[in-house]
Amino acid sequence: MRINCPHCGPRDSAEYTYYGDASRVRPSLTDTGVEHWHAYVHERNNVKGPMQEFWHHLHGCRQWLVVTRNTATHEIGAVRFAKSPVSDTAGA
């Protein structure tokens, strides 16, 4: 699988570390509801199809990326820097 880093260009996925679902929303620090924190920490969706994921370009520019990847086919749809606005995307 090749990921097109917006900084370094296309690179093999071996240069990256996968860090999971990028669409999850962390509960507020003032939220003391155990059920909200339990869901955030332990419950995961098993998505089949396009999913936004965090990847760290560990052996390259060391940037955090949000990669839209089809979990069934591993096809990369878009890649952007994690600190970029959602509308700022680069093709695979």
PDB file of N, CA and C in Angstrom:
ATOM      1  N   MET A   1       0.851  -1.168   0.000  1.00  0.00           N
ATOM      2  CA  MET A   1       0.000   0.000   0.000  1.00  0.00           C
ATOM      3  C   MET A   1       0.900   1.235   0.000  1.00  0.00           C
ATOM      4  N   ARG A   2       0.584   2.202  -0.836  1.00  0.00           N
ATOM      5  CA  ARG A   2       1.357   3.440  -0.915  1.00  0.00           C
ATOM      6  C   ARG A   2       0.481   4.606  -0.471  1.00  0.00           C
ATOM      7  N   ILE A   3       1.065   5.458   0.357  1.00  0.00           N
ATOM      8  CA  ILE A   3       0.365   6.646   0.858  1.00  0.00           C
ATOM      9  C   ILE A   3       1.072   7.866   0.279  1.00  0.00           C
ATOM     10  N   ASN A   4       0.296   8.750  -0.327  1.00  0.00           N
ATOM     11  CA  ASN A   4       0.843   9.956  -0.949  1.00  0.00           C
ATOM     12  C   ASN A   4       0.932  11.072   0.090  1.00  0.00           C
ATOM     13  N   CYS A   5       2.065  11.150   0.757  1.00  0.00           N
ATOM     14  CA  CYS A   5       2.288  12.187   1.769  1.00  0.00           C
ATOM     15  C   CYS A   5       2.279  13.555   1.090  1.00  0.00           C
ATOM     16  N   PRO A   6       1.520  14.527   1.631  1.00  0.00           N
ATOM     17  CA  PRO A   6       1.490  15.861   1.026  1.00  0.00           C
ATOM     18  C   PRO A   6       2.854  16.553   1.015  1.00  0.00           C
ATOM     19  N   HIS A   7       3.768  16.118   1.882  1.00  0.00           N
ATOM     20  CA  HIS A   7       5.089  16.730   1.963  1.00  0.00           C
ATOM     21  C   HIS A   7       6.136  15.940   1.176  1.00  0.00           C
ATOM     22  N   CYS A   8       6.129  14.606   1.306  1.00  0.00           N
ATOM     23  CA  CYS A   8       7.185  13.759   0.742  1.00  0.00           C
ATOM     24  C   CYS A   8       6.814  13.079  -0.570  1.00  0.00           C
ATOM     25  N   GLY A   9       5.538  13.057  -0.907  1.00  0.00           N
ATOM     26  CA  GLY A   9       5.098  12.340  -2.100  1.00  0.00           C
ATOM     27  C   GLY A   9       4.751  10.894  -1.769  1.00  0.00           C
ATOM     28  N   PRO A  10       4.505  10.072  -2.796  1.00  0.00           N
ATOM     29  CA  PRO A  10       4.103   8.675  -2.569  1.00  0.00           C
ATOM     30  C   PRO A  10       5.197   7.868  -1.860  1.00  0.00           C
ATOM     31  N   ARG A  11       4.798   7.179  -0.794  1.00  0.00           N
ATOM     32  CA  ARG A  11       5.725   6.360  -0.014  1.00  0.00           C
ATOM     33  C   ARG A  11       5.034   5.061   0.385  1.00  0.00           C
ATOM     34  N   ASP A  12       5.824   4.010   0.596  1.00  0.00           N
ATOM     35  CA  ASP A  12       5.304   2.733   1.048  1.00  0.00           C
ATOM     36  C   ASP A  12       4.746   2.873   2.467  1.00  0.00           C
ATOM     37  N   SER A  13       3.689   2.133   2.752  1.00  0.00           N
ATOM     38  CA  SER A  13       3.058   2.223   4.076  1.00  0.00           C
ATOM     39  C   SER A  13       3.985   1.776   5.202  1.00  0.00           C
ATOM     40  N   ALA A  14       5.070   1.079   4.888  1.00  0.00           N
ATOM     41  CA  ALA A  14       6.036   0.655   5.911  1.00  0.00           C
ATOM     42  C   ALA A  14       6.711   1.853   6.581  1.00  0.00           C
ATOM     43  N   GLU A  15       6.684   3.028   5.941  1.00  0.00           N
ATOM     44  CA  GLU A  15       7.269   4.238   6.524  1.00  0.00           C
ATOM     45  C   GLU A  15       6.357   4.873   7.575  1.00  0.00           C
ATOM     46  N   TYR A  16       5.137   4.381   7.691  1.00  0.00           N
ATOM     47  CA  TYR A  16       4.117   5.002   8.533  1.00  0.00           C
ATOM     48  C   TYR A  16       3.743   4.095   9.703  1.00  0.00           C
ATOM     49  N   THR A  17       3.170   4.715  10.721  1.00  0.00           N
ATOM     50  CA  THR A  17       2.571   3.982  11.829  1.00  0.00           C
ATOM     51  C   THR A  17       1.092   4.339  11.862  1.00  0.00           C
ATOM     52  N   TYR A  18       0.245   3.311  11.927  1.00  0.00           N
ATOM     53  CA  TYR A  18      -1.205   3.488  11.959  1.00  0.00           C
ATOM     54  C   TYR A  18      -1.645   3.816  13.383  1.00  0.00           C
ATOM     55  N   TYR A  19      -2.522   4.821  13.538  1.00  0.00           N
ATOM     56  CA  TYR A  19      -2.976   5.204  14.874  1.00  0.00           C
ATOM     57  C   TYR A  19      -4.480   5.215  15.050  1.00  0.00           C
ATOM     58  N   GLY A  20      -5.240   4.696  14.075  1.00  0.00           N
ATOM     59  CA  GLY A  20      -6.667   4.493  14.302  1.00  0.00           C
ATOM     60  C   GLY A  20      -7.588   5.538  13.722  1.00  0.00           C
ATOM     61  N   ASP A  21      -8.828   5.442  14.121  1.00  0.00           N
ATOM     62  CA  ASP A  21      -9.943   6.227  13.614  1.00  0.00           C
ATOM     63  C   ASP A  21      -9.760   7.715  13.891  1.00  0.00           C
ATOM     64  N   ALA A  22      -9.770   8.514  12.822  1.00  0.00           N
ATOM     65  CA  ALA A  22      -9.591   9.965  12.965  1.00  0.00           C
ATOM     66  C   ALA A  22     -10.906  10.710  13.114  1.00  0.00           C
ATOM     67  N   SER A  23     -12.019   9.990  13.074  1.00  0.00           N
ATOM     68  CA  SER A  23     -13.314  10.671  13.152  1.00  0.00           C
ATOM     69  C   SER A  23     -13.901  10.669  14.560  1.00  0.00           C
ATOM     70  N   ARG A  24     -13.242   9.997  15.477  1.00  0.00           N
ATOM     71  CA  ARG A  24     -13.753   9.939  16.858  1.00  0.00           C
ATOM     72  C   ARG A  24     -13.641  11.300  17.538  1.00  0.00           C
ATOM     73  N   VAL A  25     -14.632  11.620  18.353  1.00  0.00           N
ATOM     74  CA  VAL A  25     -14.649  12.898  19.077  1.00  0.00           C
ATOM     75  C   VAL A  25     -14.465  12.610  20.559  1.00  0.00           C
ATOM     76  N   ARG A  26     -13.422  13.202  21.118  1.00  0.00           N
ATOM     77  CA  ARG A  26     -13.123  13.010  22.535  1.00  0.00           C
ATOM     78  C   ARG A  26     -14.147  13.752  23.387  1.00  0.00           C
ATOM     79  N   PRO A  27     -14.640  13.130  24.471  1.00  0.00           N
ATOM     80  CA  PRO A  27     -15.553  13.840  25.373  1.00  0.00           C
ATOM     81  C   PRO A  27     -14.846  15.037  26.025  1.00  0.00           C
ATOM     82  N   SER A  28     -15.610  16.012  26.412  1.00  0.00           N
ATOM     83  CA  SER A  28     -15.073  17.179  27.103  1.00  0.00           C
ATOM     84  C   SER A  28     -14.402  16.741  28.400  1.00  0.00           C
ATOM     85  N   LEU A  29     -13.338  17.429  28.783  1.00  0.00           N
ATOM     86  CA  LEU A  29     -12.658  17.100  30.040  1.00  0.00           C
ATOM     87  C   LEU A  29     -13.555  17.314  31.249  1.00  0.00           C
ATOM     88  N   THR A  30     -14.580  18.128  31.093  1.00  0.00           N
ATOM     89  CA  THR A  30     -15.517  18.368  32.196  1.00  0.00           C
ATOM     90  C   THR A  30     -16.626  17.316  32.236  1.00  0.00           C
ATOM     91  N   ASP A  31     -16.679  16.440  31.241  1.00  0.00           N
ATOM     92  CA  ASP A  31     -17.689  15.380  31.194  1.00  0.00           C
ATOM     93  C   ASP A  31     -17.260  14.263  32.143  1.00  0.00           C
ATOM     94  N   THR A  32     -18.003  14.076  33.215  1.00  0.00           N
ATOM     95  CA  THR A  32     -17.646  13.058  34.202  1.00  0.00           C
ATOM     96  C   THR A  32     -18.446  11.770  34.020  1.00  0.00           C
ATOM     97  N   GLY A  33     -19.216  11.699  32.931  1.00  0.00           N
ATOM     98  CA  GLY A  33     -20.017  10.500  32.678  1.00  0.00           C
ATOM     99  C   GLY A  33     -19.140   9.319  32.296  1.00  0.00           C
ATOM    100  N   VAL A  34     -19.123   8.300  33.129  1.00  0.00           N
ATOM    101  CA  VAL A  34     -18.289   7.126  32.899  1.00  0.00           C
ATOM    102  C   VAL A  34     -18.651   6.463  31.574  1.00  0.00           C
ATOM    103  N   GLU A  35     -19.940   6.430  31.233  1.00  0.00           N
ATOM    104  CA  GLU A  35     -20.359   5.762  30.001  1.00  0.00           C
ATOM    105  C   GLU A  35     -19.794   6.448  28.761  1.00  0.00           C
ATOM    106  N   HIS A  36     -19.661   7.794  28.797  1.00  0.00           N
ATOM    107  CA  HIS A  36     -19.081   8.515  27.657  1.00  0.00           C
ATOM    108  C   HIS A  36     -17.600   8.186  27.493  1.00  0.00           C
ATOM    109  N   TRP A  37     -16.868   8.172  28.591  1.00  0.00           N
ATOM    110  CA  TRP A  37     -15.443   7.876  28.533  1.00  0.00           C
ATOM    111  C   TRP A  37     -15.188   6.409  28.202  1.00  0.00           C
ATOM    112  N   HIS A  38     -16.020   5.522  28.731  1.00  0.00           N
ATOM    113  CA  HIS A  38     -15.897   4.098  28.393  1.00  0.00           C
ATOM    114  C   HIS A  38     -16.082   3.895  26.884  1.00  0.00           C
ATOM    115  N   ALA A  39     -17.092   4.508  26.314  1.00  0.00           N
ATOM    116  CA  ALA A  39     -17.349   4.389  24.878  1.00  0.00           C
ATOM    117  C   ALA A  39     -16.178   4.953  24.075  1.00  0.00           C
ATOM    118  N   TYR A  40     -15.648   6.103  24.490  1.00  0.00           N
ATOM    119  CA  TYR A  40     -14.537   6.732  23.768  1.00  0.00           C
ATOM    120  C   TYR A  40     -13.276   5.868  23.800  1.00  0.00           C
ATOM    121  N   VAL A  41     -12.975   5.286  24.946  1.00  0.00           N
ATOM    122  CA  VAL A  41     -11.736   4.527  25.111  1.00  0.00           C
ATOM    123  C   VAL A  41     -11.836   3.106  24.548  1.00  0.00           C
ATOM    124  N   HIS A  42     -12.985   2.449  24.729  1.00  0.00           N
ATOM    125  CA  HIS A  42     -13.056   1.016  24.441  1.00  0.00           C
ATOM    126  C   HIS A  42     -13.878   0.617  23.218  1.00  0.00           C
ATOM    127  N   GLU A  43     -14.886   1.383  22.845  1.00  0.00           N
ATOM    128  CA  GLU A  43     -15.771   0.951  21.767  1.00  0.00           C
ATOM    129  C   GLU A  43     -15.288   1.489  20.422  1.00  0.00           C
ATOM    130  N   ARG A  44     -15.225   0.590  19.432  1.00  0.00           N
ATOM    131  CA  ARG A  44     -14.783   0.954  18.089  1.00  0.00           C
ATOM    132  C   ARG A  44     -15.775   0.433  17.060  1.00  0.00           C
ATOM    133  N   ASN A  45     -15.971   1.197  15.993  1.00  0.00           N
ATOM    134  CA  ASN A  45     -16.763   0.730  14.869  1.00  0.00           C
ATOM    135  C   ASN A  45     -15.870  -0.090  13.958  1.00  0.00           C
ATOM    136  N   ASN A  46     -16.403  -1.172  13.422  1.00  0.00           N
ATOM    137  CA  ASN A  46     -15.674  -1.999  12.473  1.00  0.00           C
ATOM    138  C   ASN A  46     -16.163  -1.627  11.077  1.00  0.00           C
ATOM    139  N   VAL A  47     -15.597  -0.564  10.531  1.00  0.00           N
ATOM    140  CA  VAL A  47     -16.049   0.008   9.269  1.00  0.00           C
ATOM    141  C   VAL A  47     -15.592  -0.850   8.099  1.00  0.00           C
ATOM    142  N   LYS A  48     -16.515  -1.120   7.179  1.00  0.00           N
ATOM    143  CA  LYS A  48     -16.151  -1.758   5.918  1.00  0.00           C
ATOM    144  C   LYS A  48     -16.430  -0.730   4.834  1.00  0.00           C
ATOM    145  N   GLY A  49     -15.377  -0.148   4.308  1.00  0.00           N
ATOM    146  CA  GLY A  49     -15.512   0.911   3.319  1.00  0.00           C
ATOM    147  C   GLY A  49     -14.631   2.095   3.701  1.00  0.00           C
ATOM    148  N   PRO A  50     -14.916   3.277   3.154  1.00  0.00           N
ATOM    149  CA  PRO A  50     -14.083   4.456   3.423  1.00  0.00           C
ATOM    150  C   PRO A  50     -14.090   4.853   4.904  1.00  0.00           C
ATOM    151  N   MET A  51     -12.913   5.160   5.397  1.00  0.00           N
ATOM    152  CA  MET A  51     -12.750   5.539   6.804  1.00  0.00           C
ATOM    153  C   MET A  51     -11.595   6.528   6.908  1.00  0.00           C
ATOM    154  N   GLN A  52     -11.740   7.525   7.761  1.00  0.00           N
ATOM    155  CA  GLN A  52     -10.638   8.455   8.005  1.00  0.00           C
ATOM    156  C   GLN A  52      -9.798   7.910   9.146  1.00  0.00           C
ATOM    157  N   GLU A  53      -8.475   7.833   8.899  1.00  0.00           N
ATOM    158  CA  GLU A  53      -7.555   7.243   9.866  1.00  0.00           C
ATOM    159  C   GLU A  53      -6.360   8.159  10.105  1.00  0.00           C
ATOM    160  N   PHE A  54      -5.828   8.105  11.328  1.00  0.00           N
ATOM    161  CA  PHE A  54      -4.575   8.797  11.629  1.00  0.00           C
ATOM    162  C   PHE A  54      -3.410   7.900  11.247  1.00  0.00           C
ATOM    163  N   TRP A  55      -2.437   8.468  10.535  1.00  0.00           N
ATOM    164  CA  TRP A  55      -1.184   7.800  10.214  1.00  0.00           C
ATOM    165  C   TRP A  55      -0.055   8.782  10.533  1.00  0.00           C
ATOM    166  N   HIS A  56       1.033   8.267  11.103  1.00  0.00           N
ATOM    167  CA  HIS A  56       2.191   9.088  11.442  1.00  0.00           C
ATOM    168  C   HIS A  56       3.319   8.705  10.490  1.00  0.00           C
ATOM    169  N   HIS A  57       3.852   9.677   9.748  1.00  0.00           N
ATOM    170  CA  HIS A  57       4.933   9.399   8.800  1.00  0.00           C
ATOM    171  C   HIS A  57       6.249   9.327   9.573  1.00  0.00           C
ATOM    172  N   LEU A  58       6.401   8.258  10.281  1.00  0.00           N
ATOM    173  CA  LEU A  58       7.504   8.063  11.221  1.00  0.00           C
ATOM    174  C   LEU A  58       8.868   8.067  10.551  1.00  0.00           C
ATOM    175  N   HIS A  59       8.990   7.419   9.397  1.00  0.00           N
ATOM    176  CA  HIS A  59      10.284   7.313   8.720  1.00  0.00           C
ATOM    177  C   HIS A  59      10.368   8.255   7.530  1.00  0.00           C
ATOM    178  N   GLY A  60       9.753   9.407   7.662  1.00  0.00           N
ATOM    179  CA  GLY A  60       9.774  10.430   6.619  1.00  0.00           C
ATOM    180  C   GLY A  60       9.776  11.793   7.279  1.00  0.00           C
ATOM    181  N   CYS A  61       8.795  12.602   6.958  1.00  0.00           N
ATOM    182  CA  CYS A  61       8.731  13.976   7.469  1.00  0.00           C
ATOM    183  C   CYS A  61       8.201  14.064   8.901  1.00  0.00           C
ATOM    184  N   ARG A  62       7.761  12.938   9.463  1.00  0.00           N
ATOM    185  CA  ARG A  62       7.262  12.840  10.840  1.00  0.00           C
ATOM    186  C   ARG A  62       5.971  13.619  11.072  1.00  0.00           C
ATOM    187  N   GLN A  63       5.248  13.911  10.009  1.00  0.00           N
ATOM    188  CA  GLN A  63       3.967  14.610  10.119  1.00  0.00           C
ATOM    189  C   GLN A  63       2.845  13.623  10.430  1.00  0.00           C
ATOM    190  N   TRP A  64       1.828  14.123  11.141  1.00  0.00           N
ATOM    191  CA  TRP A  64       0.598  13.366  11.356  1.00  0.00           C
ATOM    192  C   TRP A  64      -0.314  13.626  10.171  1.00  0.00           C
ATOM    193  N   LEU A  65      -0.893  12.558   9.627  1.00  0.00           N
ATOM    194  CA  LEU A  65      -1.765  12.662   8.468  1.00  0.00           C
ATOM    195  C   LEU A  65      -3.124  12.059   8.772  1.00  0.00           C
ATOM    196  N   VAL A  66      -4.141  12.562   8.076  1.00  0.00           N
ATOM    197  CA  VAL A  66      -5.449  11.919   8.060  1.00  0.00           C
ATOM    198  C   VAL A  66      -5.596  11.317   6.666  1.00  0.00           C
ATOM    199  N   VAL A  67      -5.713  10.006   6.635  1.00  0.00           N
ATOM    200  CA  VAL A  67      -5.800   9.263   5.378  1.00  0.00           C
ATOM    201  C   VAL A  67      -7.215   8.697   5.267  1.00  0.00           C
ATOM    202  N   THR A  68      -7.870   8.949   4.143  1.00  0.00           N
ATOM    203  CA  THR A  68      -9.162   8.316   3.875  1.00  0.00           C
ATOM    204  C   THR A  68      -8.858   7.045   3.102  1.00  0.00           C
ATOM    205  N   ARG A  69      -9.131   5.899   3.744  1.00  0.00           N
ATOM    206  CA  ARG A  69      -8.779   4.597   3.177  1.00  0.00           C
ATOM    207  C   ARG A  69      -9.997   3.694   3.196  1.00  0.00           C
ATOM    208  N   ASN A  70     -10.198   2.962   2.108  1.00  0.00           N
ATOM    209  CA  ASN A  70     -11.256   1.959   2.056  1.00  0.00           C
ATOM    210  C   ASN A  70     -10.722   0.725   2.768  1.00  0.00           C
ATOM    211  N   THR A  71     -11.340   0.358   3.883  1.00  0.00           N
ATOM    212  CA  THR A  71     -10.831  -0.752   4.691  1.00  0.00           C
ATOM    213  C   THR A  71     -11.039  -2.106   4.028  1.00  0.00           C
ATOM    214  N   ALA A  72     -11.906  -2.186   3.022  1.00  0.00           N
ATOM    215  CA  ALA A  72     -12.133  -3.449   2.320  1.00  0.00           C
ATOM    216  C   ALA A  72     -11.118  -3.653   1.197  1.00  0.00           C
ATOM    217  N   THR A  73     -10.718  -2.572   0.530  1.00  0.00           N
ATOM    218  CA  THR A  73      -9.826  -2.685  -0.634  1.00  0.00           C
ATOM    219  C   THR A  73      -8.445  -2.070  -0.404  1.00  0.00           C
ATOM    220  N   HIS A  74      -8.263  -1.321   0.670  1.00  0.00           N
ATOM    221  CA  HIS A  74      -7.043  -0.572   0.997  1.00  0.00           C
ATOM    222  C   HIS A  74      -6.778   0.573   0.012  1.00  0.00           C
ATOM    223  N   GLU A  75      -7.761   0.936  -0.801  1.00  0.00           N
ATOM    224  CA  GLU A  75      -7.611   2.051  -1.723  1.00  0.00           C
ATOM    225  C   GLU A  75      -7.587   3.368  -0.937  1.00  0.00           C
ATOM    226  N   ILE A  76      -6.594   4.208  -1.231  1.00  0.00           N
ATOM    227  CA  ILE A  76      -6.450   5.506  -0.570  1.00  0.00           C
ATOM    228  C   ILE A  76      -7.225   6.538  -1.371  1.00  0.00           C
ATOM    229  N   GLY A  77      -8.154   7.241  -0.710  1.00  0.00           N
ATOM    230  CA  GLY A  77      -8.961   8.244  -1.391  1.00  0.00           C
ATOM    231  C   GLY A  77      -8.393   9.637  -1.265  1.00  0.00           C
ATOM    232  N   ALA A  78      -7.881  10.007  -0.107  1.00  0.00           N
ATOM    233  CA  ALA A  78      -7.355  11.350   0.124  1.00  0.00           C
ATOM    234  C   ALA A  78      -6.379  11.310   1.285  1.00  0.00           C
ATOM    235  N   VAL A  79      -5.458  12.266   1.289  1.00  0.00           N
ATOM    236  CA  VAL A  79      -4.479  12.395   2.377  1.00  0.00           C
ATOM    237  C   VAL A  79      -4.326  13.878   2.675  1.00  0.00           C
ATOM    238  N   ARG A  80      -4.336  14.232   3.959  1.00  0.00           N
ATOM    239  CA  ARG A  80      -4.119  15.625   4.347  1.00  0.00           C
ATOM    240  C   ARG A  80      -3.344  15.633   5.665  1.00  0.00           C
ATOM    241  N   PHE A  81      -2.692  16.765   5.923  1.00  0.00           N
ATOM    242  CA  PHE A  81      -2.045  16.928   7.217  1.00  0.00           C
ATOM    243  C   PHE A  81      -3.132  16.965   8.290  1.00  0.00           C
ATOM    244  N   ALA A  82      -2.895  16.340   9.427  1.00  0.00           N
ATOM    245  CA  ALA A  82      -3.892  16.288  10.497  1.00  0.00           C
ATOM    246  C   ALA A  82      -4.222  17.677  11.022  1.00  0.00           C
ATOM    247  N   LYS A  83      -3.275  18.599  10.956  1.00  0.00           N
ATOM    248  CA  LYS A  83      -3.528  19.945  11.472  1.00  0.00           C
ATOM    249  C   LYS A  83      -4.193  20.848  10.433  1.00  0.00           C
ATOM    250  N   SER A  84      -4.422  20.336   9.220  1.00  0.00           N
ATOM    251  CA  SER A  84      -5.053  21.115   8.148  1.00  0.00           C
ATOM    252  C   SER A  84      -6.566  21.122   8.303  1.00  0.00           C
ATOM    253  N   PRO A  85      -7.228  22.146   7.769  1.00  0.00           N
ATOM    254  CA  PRO A  85      -8.677  22.135   7.752  1.00  0.00           C
ATOM    255  C   PRO A  85      -9.188  20.966   6.919  1.00  0.00           C
ATOM    256  N   VAL A  86     -10.377  20.495   7.192  1.00  0.00           N
ATOM    257  CA  VAL A  86     -10.941  19.330   6.517  1.00  0.00           C
ATOM    258  C   VAL A  86     -10.995  19.530   5.008  1.00  0.00           C
ATOM    259  N   SER A  87     -11.214  20.750   4.520  1.00  0.00           N
ATOM    260  CA  SER A  87     -11.339  20.988   3.084  1.00  0.00           C
ATOM    261  C   SER A  87      -9.996  20.917   2.355  1.00  0.00           C
ATOM    262  N   ASP A  88      -8.869  20.916   3.085  1.00  0.00           N
ATOM    263  CA  ASP A  88      -7.539  20.876   2.482  1.00  0.00           C
ATOM    264  C   ASP A  88      -7.109  19.427   2.310  1.00  0.00           C
ATOM    265  N   THR A  89      -7.401  18.824   1.137  1.00  0.00           N
ATOM    266  CA  THR A  89      -7.058  17.429   0.906  1.00  0.00           C
ATOM    267  C   THR A  89      -6.176  17.298  -0.315  1.00  0.00           C
ATOM    268  N   ALA A  90      -5.378  16.256  -0.315  1.00  0.00           N
ATOM    269  CA  ALA A  90      -4.527  15.931  -1.460  1.00  0.00           C
ATOM    270  C   ALA A  90      -4.851  14.523  -1.913  1.00  0.00           C
ATOM    271  N   GLY A  91      -4.898  14.288  -3.179  1.00  0.00           N
ATOM    272  CA  GLY A  91      -5.215  12.971  -3.715  1.00  0.00           C
ATOM    273  C   GLY A  91      -4.137  11.952  -3.415  1.00  0.00           C
ATOM    274  N   ALA A  92      -4.489  10.700  -3.555  1.00  0.00           N
ATOM    275  CA  ALA A  92      -3.553   9.609  -3.259  1.00  0.00           C
ATOM    276  C   ALA A  92      -2.509   9.461  -4.346  1.00  0.00           C
TER     277      ALA A  92
END
